Amino acid sequence: MTFIDKLKSRWQSADSLLCVGLDPDPTRFPAYLRERDDAIFAFCADIANATAPYACAFKPQIAYFASARAEDQLESLIAHLRQQHPQVPVVLDAKRGDIGATAEHYAREVFERYGADAVTLSPYMGHDSIEPYLAYADRGLFLLCRTSNPGGDDLQMLDVAGERLYERIAHLAASQWNRSGQLGLVVGATYPAELARVRAIAGELPLLVPGIGAQGGDVQACVYAGRTADGTGMLINSSRAILYASTGEDFAEAAAAAARRTRDEINRYRHP
């Protein structure tokens, strides 16, 4: 099953567009967990187990693991997700972007070492920087397009032969770059007008949408701008608002409740 097929199946079976971001910060863990050698794995696995019923995808952010020298725990976590929740796609948020020979190794890292279903990539070095990932024809690639941070304006809004740079990326992803049929785009919920523009350009491509929750993106505006005609087409990511709904021993239960509320809020606006 390809990534897109798995994602479409999950949108329907979970009735959800919520992507649960796994950005583990040990300083915010419950005290009893911090003493464990595998605290990062244990925290994320408990969060995933609790929120899986409400999630269309999980998105571990690689930097949170790498900075803590916990890449082995990331491997264990993705293996756990694939074993316990095989129906939920895993998007590794790595934002890689490098020349072809190096990109081959990054692609092996993402898809062979970690076993992710999809990855986030920076497309700003051009097609040859994403080509090695396309060799994994069943895996998904989300290209940074119109990101949720204010600094995205520095480059993404530049005029490029009559269109914005983010629009050029959307056009490329929807056409000649998408030879595997598994491309998607990253577009921030904090820019609903641009989100709507990307949807108009990209057709049915899935959009990974960060920026709700702690970043303040408006859920209603986000869903109205980015949904497809059937009320799907989006992975709306929330991380901190779910992960740290409680810092006590009830953290997993609180995360599940936050995920359910977010899923339900998104669903209120999915269908015209």
C-alpha atoms as a PDB file:
ATOM      1  CA  MET A   1       0.000   0.000   0.000  1.00  0.00           C
ATOM      2  CA  THR A   2       1.362   3.433  -0.914  1.00  0.00           C
ATOM      3  CA  PHE A   3       1.546   6.304   1.545  1.00  0.00           C
ATOM      4  CA  ILE A   4      -1.323   8.142  -0.157  1.00  0.00           C
ATOM      5  CA  ASP A   5      -3.510   5.026  -0.091  1.00  0.00           C
ATOM      6  CA  LYS A   6      -2.742   4.489   3.586  1.00  0.00           C
ATOM      7  CA  LEU A   7      -3.505   8.124   4.367  1.00  0.00           C
ATOM      8  CA  LYS A   8      -6.801   8.101   2.484  1.00  0.00           C
ATOM      9  CA  SER A   9      -7.828   4.937   4.282  1.00  0.00           C
ATOM     10  CA  ARG A  10      -6.986   6.499   7.633  1.00  0.00           C
ATOM     11  CA  TRP A  11      -8.912   9.710   6.884  1.00  0.00           C
ATOM     12  CA  GLN A  12     -11.997   7.557   6.449  1.00  0.00           C
ATOM     13  CA  SER A  13     -11.539   4.947   9.177  1.00  0.00           C
ATOM     14  CA  ALA A  14     -10.644   7.464  11.909  1.00  0.00           C
ATOM     15  CA  ASP A  15     -12.915  10.221  10.575  1.00  0.00           C
ATOM     16  CA  SER A  16     -10.000  12.536  11.331  1.00  0.00           C
ATOM     17  CA  LEU A  17      -7.661  15.077   9.764  1.00  0.00           C
ATOM     18  CA  LEU A  18      -5.642  15.461  12.979  1.00  0.00           C
ATOM     19  CA  CYS A  19      -1.914  14.785  12.818  1.00  0.00           C
ATOM     20  CA  VAL A  20      -0.374  14.335  16.271  1.00  0.00           C
ATOM     21  CA  GLY A  21       3.099  15.866  16.380  1.00  0.00           C
ATOM     22  CA  LEU A  22       5.632  14.084  18.589  1.00  0.00           C
ATOM     23  CA  ASP A  23       8.074  16.777  19.764  1.00  0.00           C
ATOM     24  CA  PRO A  24       9.395  15.372  23.066  1.00  0.00           C
ATOM     25  CA  ASP A  25      10.889  17.872  25.519  1.00  0.00           C
ATOM     26  CA  PRO A  26      12.100  15.953  28.600  1.00  0.00           C
ATOM     27  CA  THR A  27      11.965  19.096  30.764  1.00  0.00           C
ATOM     28  CA  ARG A  28       8.177  18.959  30.392  1.00  0.00           C
ATOM     29  CA  PHE A  29       7.779  15.249  31.136  1.00  0.00           C
ATOM     30  CA  PRO A  30       6.153  14.036  34.364  1.00  0.00           C
ATOM     31  CA  ALA A  31       8.778  13.777  37.078  1.00  0.00           C
ATOM     32  CA  TYR A  32       8.567   9.997  37.384  1.00  0.00           C
ATOM     33  CA  LEU A  33       9.487   9.566  33.701  1.00  0.00           C
ATOM     34  CA  ARG A  34      12.567  11.769  33.667  1.00  0.00           C
ATOM     35  CA  GLU A  35      14.702   9.209  35.504  1.00  0.00           C
ATOM     36  CA  ARG A  36      14.217   6.530  32.856  1.00  0.00           C
ATOM     37  CA  ASP A  37      16.933   5.913  30.282  1.00  0.00           C
ATOM     38  CA  ASP A  38      14.208   5.491  27.654  1.00  0.00           C
ATOM     39  CA  ALA A  39      12.087   8.424  28.854  1.00  0.00           C
ATOM     40  CA  ILE A  40      11.640   9.904  25.381  1.00  0.00           C
ATOM     41  CA  PHE A  41      10.448   6.620  23.914  1.00  0.00           C
ATOM     42  CA  ALA A  42       8.168   5.906  26.867  1.00  0.00           C
ATOM     43  CA  PHE A  43       6.588   9.359  26.771  1.00  0.00           C
ATOM     44  CA  CYS A  44       5.963   9.335  23.021  1.00  0.00           C
ATOM     45  CA  ALA A  45       4.707   5.747  22.974  1.00  0.00           C
ATOM     46  CA  ASP A  46       2.204   6.497  25.735  1.00  0.00           C
ATOM     47  CA  ILE A  47       1.046   9.635  23.907  1.00  0.00           C
ATOM     48  CA  ALA A  48       0.671   7.700  20.656  1.00  0.00           C
ATOM     49  CA  ASN A  49      -1.218   4.841  22.277  1.00  0.00           C
ATOM     50  CA  ALA A  50      -3.617   7.311  23.898  1.00  0.00           C
ATOM     51  CA  THR A  51      -4.201   9.526  20.852  1.00  0.00           C
ATOM     52  CA  ALA A  52      -4.210   6.918  18.059  1.00  0.00           C
ATOM     53  CA  PRO A  53      -8.026   6.666  17.915  1.00  0.00           C
ATOM     54  CA  TYR A  54      -8.208  10.356  16.960  1.00  0.00           C
ATOM     55  CA  ALA A  55      -5.189  10.636  14.647  1.00  0.00           C
ATOM     56  CA  CYS A  56      -4.870  10.391  10.889  1.00  0.00           C
ATOM     57  CA  ALA A  57      -1.060  10.454  11.244  1.00  0.00           C
ATOM     58  CA  PHE A  58       1.822  10.786  13.680  1.00  0.00           C
ATOM     59  CA  LYS A  59       4.655  13.245  13.033  1.00  0.00           C
ATOM     60  CA  PRO A  60       7.827  12.757  15.086  1.00  0.00           C
ATOM     61  CA  GLN A  61      10.216  15.714  14.781  1.00  0.00           C
ATOM     62  CA  ILE A  62      13.727  14.314  14.374  1.00  0.00           C
ATOM     63  CA  ALA A  63      15.567  17.246  15.991  1.00  0.00           C
ATOM     64  CA  TYR A  64      13.990  16.586  19.387  1.00  0.00           C
ATOM     65  CA  PHE A  65      15.441  13.083  19.343  1.00  0.00           C
ATOM     66  CA  ALA A  66      18.815  13.925  17.803  1.00  0.00           C
ATOM     67  CA  SER A  67      19.573  16.770  20.231  1.00  0.00           C
ATOM     68  CA  ALA A  68      19.058  14.362  23.120  1.00  0.00           C
ATOM     69  CA  ARG A  69      21.205  11.643  21.491  1.00  0.00           C
ATOM     70  CA  ALA A  70      18.035   9.586  21.319  1.00  0.00           C
ATOM     71  CA  GLU A  71      17.997   8.423  17.700  1.00  0.00           C
ATOM     72  CA  ASP A  72      17.793   4.843  18.984  1.00  0.00           C
ATOM     73  CA  GLN A  73      14.603   5.782  20.815  1.00  0.00           C
ATOM     74  CA  LEU A  74      13.213   7.263  17.597  1.00  0.00           C
ATOM     75  CA  GLU A  75      13.895   3.952  15.851  1.00  0.00           C
ATOM     76  CA  SER A  76      12.153   2.112  18.674  1.00  0.00           C
ATOM     77  CA  LEU A  77       9.237   4.535  18.614  1.00  0.00           C
ATOM     78  CA  ILE A  78       8.563   4.188  14.892  1.00  0.00           C
ATOM     79  CA  ALA A  79       8.886   0.405  15.185  1.00  0.00           C
ATOM     80  CA  HIS A  80       6.333   0.557  18.011  1.00  0.00           C
ATOM     81  CA  LEU A  81       3.972   2.701  15.935  1.00  0.00           C
ATOM     82  CA  ARG A  82       4.215   0.376  12.968  1.00  0.00           C
ATOM     83  CA  GLN A  83       3.551  -2.661  15.165  1.00  0.00           C
ATOM     84  CA  GLN A  84       0.821  -1.283  17.446  1.00  0.00           C
ATOM     85  CA  HIS A  85      -0.846   1.217  15.107  1.00  0.00           C
ATOM     86  CA  PRO A  86      -0.003   0.008  11.572  1.00  0.00           C
ATOM     87  CA  GLN A  87      -3.007   1.792  10.089  1.00  0.00           C
ATOM     88  CA  VAL A  88      -1.700   5.241  11.145  1.00  0.00           C
ATOM     89  CA  PRO A  89       0.918   6.730   8.772  1.00  0.00           C
ATOM     90  CA  VAL A  90       4.155   8.070  10.252  1.00  0.00           C
ATOM     91  CA  VAL A  91       5.554  11.303   8.788  1.00  0.00           C
ATOM     92  CA  LEU A  92       9.144  11.946   9.898  1.00  0.00           C
ATOM     93  CA  ASP A  93       9.590  15.697  10.185  1.00  0.00           C
ATOM     94  CA  ALA A  94      13.208  16.065   9.066  1.00  0.00           C
ATOM     95  CA  LYS A  95      13.093  18.937   6.533  1.00  0.00           C
ATOM     96  CA  ARG A  96      16.101  17.544   4.696  1.00  0.00           C
ATOM     97  CA  GLY A  97      17.445  19.247   1.585  1.00  0.00           C
ATOM     98  CA  ASP A  98      20.802  18.480  -0.020  1.00  0.00           C
ATOM     99  CA  ILE A  99      22.474  17.480  -3.284  1.00  0.00           C
ATOM    100  CA  GLY A 100      21.808  14.092  -4.832  1.00  0.00           C
ATOM    101  CA  ALA A 101      24.614  11.951  -3.396  1.00  0.00           C
ATOM    102  CA  THR A 102      23.992  13.181   0.140  1.00  0.00           C
ATOM    103  CA  ALA A 103      20.236  13.030  -0.317  1.00  0.00           C
ATOM    104  CA  GLU A 104      20.555   9.321  -1.119  1.00  0.00           C
ATOM    105  CA  HIS A 105      21.888   8.759   2.385  1.00  0.00           C
ATOM    106  CA  TYR A 106      19.214  10.927   3.975  1.00  0.00           C
ATOM    107  CA  ALA A 107      16.584   8.941   2.076  1.00  0.00           C
ATOM    108  CA  ARG A 108      18.051   5.683   3.377  1.00  0.00           C
ATOM    109  CA  GLU A 109      18.043   7.133   6.894  1.00  0.00           C
ATOM    110  CA  VAL A 110      14.374   8.097   6.720  1.00  0.00           C
ATOM    111  CA  PHE A 111      12.920   5.102   4.921  1.00  0.00           C
ATOM    112  CA  GLU A 112      15.303   2.244   5.741  1.00  0.00           C
ATOM    113  CA  ARG A 113      16.753   3.088   9.154  1.00  0.00           C
ATOM    114  CA  TYR A 114      13.637   4.657  10.664  1.00  0.00           C
ATOM    115  CA  GLY A 115      10.982   3.068   8.461  1.00  0.00           C
ATOM    116  CA  ALA A 116       8.837   6.188   8.108  1.00  0.00           C
ATOM    117  CA  ASP A 117       5.940   6.304   5.664  1.00  0.00           C
ATOM    118  CA  ALA A 118       6.695   9.893   4.623  1.00  0.00           C
ATOM    119  CA  VAL A 119       9.141  12.730   5.233  1.00  0.00           C
ATOM    120  CA  THR A 120       9.238  16.514   5.102  1.00  0.00           C
ATOM    121  CA  LEU A 121      11.775  18.011   2.694  1.00  0.00           C
ATOM    122  CA  SER A 122      13.102  21.434   1.717  1.00  0.00           C
ATOM    123  CA  PRO A 123      12.847  21.801  -2.082  1.00  0.00           C
ATOM    124  CA  TYR A 124      15.024  24.906  -2.404  1.00  0.00           C
ATOM    125  CA  MET A 125      17.970  23.070  -3.979  1.00  0.00           C
ATOM    126  CA  GLY A 126      15.730  21.860  -6.793  1.00  0.00           C
ATOM    127  CA  HIS A 127      14.505  18.576  -8.191  1.00  0.00           C
ATOM    128  CA  ASP A 128      17.759  16.639  -7.852  1.00  0.00           C
ATOM    129  CA  SER A 129      17.640  17.176  -4.076  1.00  0.00           C
ATOM    130  CA  ILE A 130      14.350  15.272  -3.811  1.00  0.00           C
ATOM    131  CA  GLU A 131      14.944  12.734  -6.578  1.00  0.00           C
ATOM    132  CA  PRO A 132      16.624  10.092  -4.350  1.00  0.00           C
ATOM    133  CA  TYR A 133      13.515  10.005  -2.152  1.00  0.00           C
ATOM    134  CA  LEU A 134      11.353   9.371  -5.219  1.00  0.00           C
ATOM    135  CA  ALA A 135      13.188   6.060  -5.664  1.00  0.00           C
ATOM    136  CA  TYR A 136      11.059   4.855  -2.747  1.00  0.00           C
ATOM    137  CA  ALA A 137       7.970   4.880  -4.923  1.00  0.00           C
ATOM    138  CA  ASP A 138       5.477   3.981  -2.191  1.00  0.00           C
ATOM    139  CA  ARG A 139       6.644   6.618   0.327  1.00  0.00           C
ATOM    140  CA  GLY A 140       5.372  10.155   0.744  1.00  0.00           C
ATOM    141  CA  LEU A 141       7.266  13.443   0.422  1.00  0.00           C
ATOM    142  CA  PHE A 142       5.963  16.714   1.870  1.00  0.00           C
ATOM    143  CA  LEU A 143       7.743  19.722   0.374  1.00  0.00           C
ATOM    144  CA  LEU A 144       7.994  22.950   2.351  1.00  0.00           C
ATOM    145  CA  CYS A 145       5.799  25.432   0.508  1.00  0.00           C
ATOM    146  CA  ARG A 146       4.258  28.242   2.615  1.00  0.00           C
ATOM    147  CA  THR A 147       5.477  27.659   6.132  1.00  0.00           C
ATOM    148  CA  SER A 148       3.801  28.825   9.344  1.00  0.00           C
ATOM    149  CA  ASN A 149       6.678  30.965  10.662  1.00  0.00           C
ATOM    150  CA  PRO A 150       6.793  34.753  10.016  1.00  0.00           C
ATOM    151  CA  GLY A 151      10.262  34.456   8.479  1.00  0.00           C
ATOM    152  CA  GLY A 152       8.789  32.451   5.634  1.00  0.00           C
ATOM    153  CA  ASP A 153       7.996  35.805   4.020  1.00  0.00           C
ATOM    154  CA  ASP A 154      11.709  36.393   3.428  1.00  0.00           C
ATOM    155  CA  LEU A 155      11.812  33.941   0.520  1.00  0.00           C
ATOM    156  CA  GLN A 156       8.449  32.295  -0.035  1.00  0.00           C
ATOM    157  CA  MET A 157       6.676  35.505  -1.033  1.00  0.00           C
ATOM    158  CA  LEU A 158       9.314  36.602  -3.562  1.00  0.00           C
ATOM    159  CA  ASP A 159       8.128  37.207  -7.110  1.00  0.00           C
ATOM    160  CA  VAL A 160       9.385  34.555  -9.525  1.00  0.00           C
ATOM    161  CA  ALA A 161       8.460  35.320 -13.122  1.00  0.00           C
ATOM    162  CA  GLY A 162       5.006  36.561 -12.170  1.00  0.00           C
ATOM    163  CA  GLU A 163       4.186  34.201  -9.317  1.00  0.00           C
ATOM    164  CA  ARG A 164       5.215  33.842  -5.706  1.00  0.00           C
ATOM    165  CA  LEU A 165       7.950  31.351  -4.929  1.00  0.00           C
ATOM    166  CA  TYR A 166       5.582  29.251  -2.816  1.00  0.00           C
ATOM    167  CA  GLU A 167       3.193  29.123  -5.789  1.00  0.00           C
ATOM    168  CA  ARG A 168       5.998  27.891  -8.042  1.00  0.00           C
ATOM    169  CA  ILE A 169       6.735  25.092  -5.580  1.00  0.00           C
ATOM    170  CA  ALA A 170       3.062  24.136  -5.508  1.00  0.00           C
ATOM    171  CA  HIS A 171       2.911  24.046  -9.314  1.00  0.00           C
ATOM    172  CA  LEU A 172       6.034  21.853  -9.524  1.00  0.00           C
ATOM    173  CA  ALA A 173       4.760  19.475  -6.854  1.00  0.00           C
ATOM    174  CA  ALA A 174       1.441  19.118  -8.652  1.00  0.00           C
ATOM    175  CA  SER A 175       3.040  18.417 -12.027  1.00  0.00           C
ATOM    176  CA  GLN A 176       6.483  17.300 -13.230  1.00  0.00           C
ATOM    177  CA  TRP A 177       8.026  16.617  -9.823  1.00  0.00           C
ATOM    178  CA  ASN A 178       5.242  14.257  -8.763  1.00  0.00           C
ATOM    179  CA  ARG A 179       6.237  11.259 -10.799  1.00  0.00           C
ATOM    180  CA  SER A 180       5.560   8.852  -7.920  1.00  0.00           C
ATOM    181  CA  GLY A 181       2.139  10.339  -7.185  1.00  0.00           C
ATOM    182  CA  GLN A 182       3.130  10.567  -3.515  1.00  0.00           C
ATOM    183  CA  LEU A 183       3.977  14.253  -3.103  1.00  0.00           C
ATOM    184  CA  GLY A 184       2.326  16.661  -0.706  1.00  0.00           C
ATOM    185  CA  LEU A 185       3.004  20.173   0.541  1.00  0.00           C
ATOM    186  CA  VAL A 186       3.594  21.844   3.904  1.00  0.00           C
ATOM    187  CA  VAL A 187       1.438  24.954   4.305  1.00  0.00           C
ATOM    188  CA  GLY A 188       0.915  26.790   7.583  1.00  0.00           C
ATOM    189  CA  ALA A 189      -2.495  27.266   9.166  1.00  0.00           C
ATOM    190  CA  THR A 190      -1.357  30.771  10.071  1.00  0.00           C
ATOM    191  CA  TYR A 191      -1.763  31.855   6.413  1.00  0.00           C
ATOM    192  CA  PRO A 192      -5.268  30.763   5.341  1.00  0.00           C
ATOM    193  CA  ALA A 193      -5.300  32.900   2.176  1.00  0.00           C
ATOM    194  CA  GLU A 194      -2.110  31.274   0.935  1.00  0.00           C
ATOM    195  CA  LEU A 195      -3.407  27.884   2.057  1.00  0.00           C
ATOM    196  CA  ALA A 196      -6.451  28.380  -0.156  1.00  0.00           C
ATOM    197  CA  ARG A 197      -4.195  29.430  -3.032  1.00  0.00           C
ATOM    198  CA  VAL A 198      -2.064  26.306  -2.654  1.00  0.00           C
ATOM    199  CA  ARG A 199      -5.180  24.139  -2.637  1.00  0.00           C
ATOM    200  CA  ALA A 200      -6.333  25.809  -5.854  1.00  0.00           C
ATOM    201  CA  ILE A 201      -2.972  25.087  -7.495  1.00  0.00           C
ATOM    202  CA  ALA A 202      -2.271  21.641  -6.071  1.00  0.00           C
ATOM    203  CA  GLY A 203      -5.653  19.996  -6.647  1.00  0.00           C
ATOM    204  CA  GLU A 204      -5.962  16.844  -4.534  1.00  0.00           C
ATOM    205  CA  LEU A 205      -2.406  16.782  -3.144  1.00  0.00           C
ATOM    206  CA  PRO A 206      -2.343  16.231   0.618  1.00  0.00           C
ATOM    207  CA  LEU A 207      -1.394  19.274   2.666  1.00  0.00           C
ATOM    208  CA  LEU A 208       0.488  18.944   5.938  1.00  0.00           C
ATOM    209  CA  VAL A 209      -0.705  21.941   7.929  1.00  0.00           C
ATOM    210  CA  PRO A 210       1.142  23.019  11.091  1.00  0.00           C
ATOM    211  CA  GLY A 211       0.229  26.099  13.061  1.00  0.00           C
ATOM    212  CA  ILE A 212      -2.937  25.414  15.052  1.00  0.00           C
ATOM    213  CA  GLY A 213      -2.816  25.027  18.824  1.00  0.00           C
ATOM    214  CA  ALA A 214       0.245  26.676  20.366  1.00  0.00           C
ATOM    215  CA  GLN A 215       1.013  28.617  17.154  1.00  0.00           C
ATOM    216  CA  GLY A 216      -2.432  30.214  17.092  1.00  0.00           C
ATOM    217  CA  GLY A 217      -3.778  29.234  13.687  1.00  0.00           C
ATOM    218  CA  ASP A 218      -7.565  29.439  13.354  1.00  0.00           C
ATOM    219  CA  VAL A 219      -9.037  25.972  12.864  1.00  0.00           C
ATOM    220  CA  GLN A 220     -12.151  27.084  10.982  1.00  0.00           C
ATOM    221  CA  ALA A 221     -10.232  29.283   8.548  1.00  0.00           C
ATOM    222  CA  CYS A 222      -7.642  26.573   8.066  1.00  0.00           C
ATOM    223  CA  VAL A 223     -10.163  23.843   7.246  1.00  0.00           C
ATOM    224  CA  TYR A 224     -12.224  26.045   4.944  1.00  0.00           C
ATOM    225  CA  ALA A 225      -9.083  27.040   3.042  1.00  0.00           C
ATOM    226  CA  GLY A 226      -7.448  23.642   2.716  1.00  0.00           C
ATOM    227  CA  ARG A 227     -10.085  20.926   2.541  1.00  0.00           C
ATOM    228  CA  THR A 228     -10.820  19.055  -0.651  1.00  0.00           C
ATOM    229  CA  ALA A 229     -14.334  18.601  -2.020  1.00  0.00           C
ATOM    230  CA  ASP A 230     -14.825  15.423   0.021  1.00  0.00           C
ATOM    231  CA  GLY A 231     -13.738  17.095   3.252  1.00  0.00           C
ATOM    232  CA  THR A 232     -10.294  15.482   3.435  1.00  0.00           C
ATOM    233  CA  GLY A 233      -6.922  16.382   1.887  1.00  0.00           C
ATOM    234  CA  MET A 234      -5.246  17.674   5.048  1.00  0.00           C
ATOM    235  CA  LEU A 235      -3.066  16.539   7.941  1.00  0.00           C
ATOM    236  CA  ILE A 236      -3.648  19.305  10.474  1.00  0.00           C
ATOM    237  CA  ASN A 237      -0.839  19.059  12.965  1.00  0.00           C
ATOM    238  CA  SER A 238      -0.986  19.819  16.662  1.00  0.00           C
ATOM    239  CA  SER A 239       1.977  19.061  18.908  1.00  0.00           C
ATOM    240  CA  ARG A 240       2.467  20.967  22.157  1.00  0.00           C
ATOM    241  CA  ALA A 241      -1.215  21.561  22.872  1.00  0.00           C
ATOM    242  CA  ILE A 242      -1.722  17.791  22.910  1.00  0.00           C
ATOM    243  CA  LEU A 243       1.611  16.558  24.295  1.00  0.00           C
ATOM    244  CA  TYR A 244       1.605  18.855  27.284  1.00  0.00           C
ATOM    245  CA  ALA A 245      -2.099  19.086  28.049  1.00  0.00           C
ATOM    246  CA  SER A 246      -0.930  17.855  31.458  1.00  0.00           C
ATOM    247  CA  THR A 247       2.537  17.486  32.962  1.00  0.00           C
ATOM    248  CA  GLY A 248       1.282  15.133  35.653  1.00  0.00           C
ATOM    249  CA  GLU A 249       0.911  11.378  35.722  1.00  0.00           C
ATOM    250  CA  ASP A 250      -2.333  11.737  33.764  1.00  0.00           C
ATOM    251  CA  PHE A 251      -0.434  13.173  30.761  1.00  0.00           C
ATOM    252  CA  ALA A 252      -1.558  10.438  28.357  1.00  0.00           C
ATOM    253  CA  GLU A 253      -5.219  10.704  29.331  1.00  0.00           C
ATOM    254  CA  ALA A 254      -5.067  14.499  29.049  1.00  0.00           C
ATOM    255  CA  ALA A 255      -3.420  14.185  25.633  1.00  0.00           C
ATOM    256  CA  ALA A 256      -6.179  11.849  24.471  1.00  0.00           C
ATOM    257  CA  ALA A 257      -8.835  14.319  25.596  1.00  0.00           C
ATOM    258  CA  ALA A 258      -7.053  17.201  23.844  1.00  0.00           C
ATOM    259  CA  ALA A 259      -6.687  15.155  20.666  1.00  0.00           C
ATOM    260  CA  ARG A 260     -10.361  14.216  20.719  1.00  0.00           C
ATOM    261  CA  ARG A 261     -11.415  17.850  21.197  1.00  0.00           C
ATOM    262  CA  THR A 262      -9.151  18.976  18.358  1.00  0.00           C
ATOM    263  CA  ARG A 263     -10.360  16.219  16.028  1.00  0.00           C
ATOM    264  CA  ASP A 264     -13.959  17.143  16.790  1.00  0.00           C
ATOM    265  CA  GLU A 265     -13.330  20.858  16.273  1.00  0.00           C
ATOM    266  CA  ILE A 266     -11.760  20.167  12.888  1.00  0.00           C
ATOM    267  CA  ASN A 267     -14.668  17.933  11.918  1.00  0.00           C
ATOM    268  CA  ARG A 268     -17.189  20.712  12.580  1.00  0.00           C
ATOM    269  CA  TYR A 269     -15.863  22.541   9.523  1.00  0.00           C
ATOM    270  CA  ARG A 270     -14.938  19.717   7.172  1.00  0.00           C
ATOM    271  CA  HIS A 271     -18.114  19.560   5.123  1.00  0.00           C
ATOM    272  CA  PRO A 272     -19.835  22.561   3.510  1.00  0.00           C
END
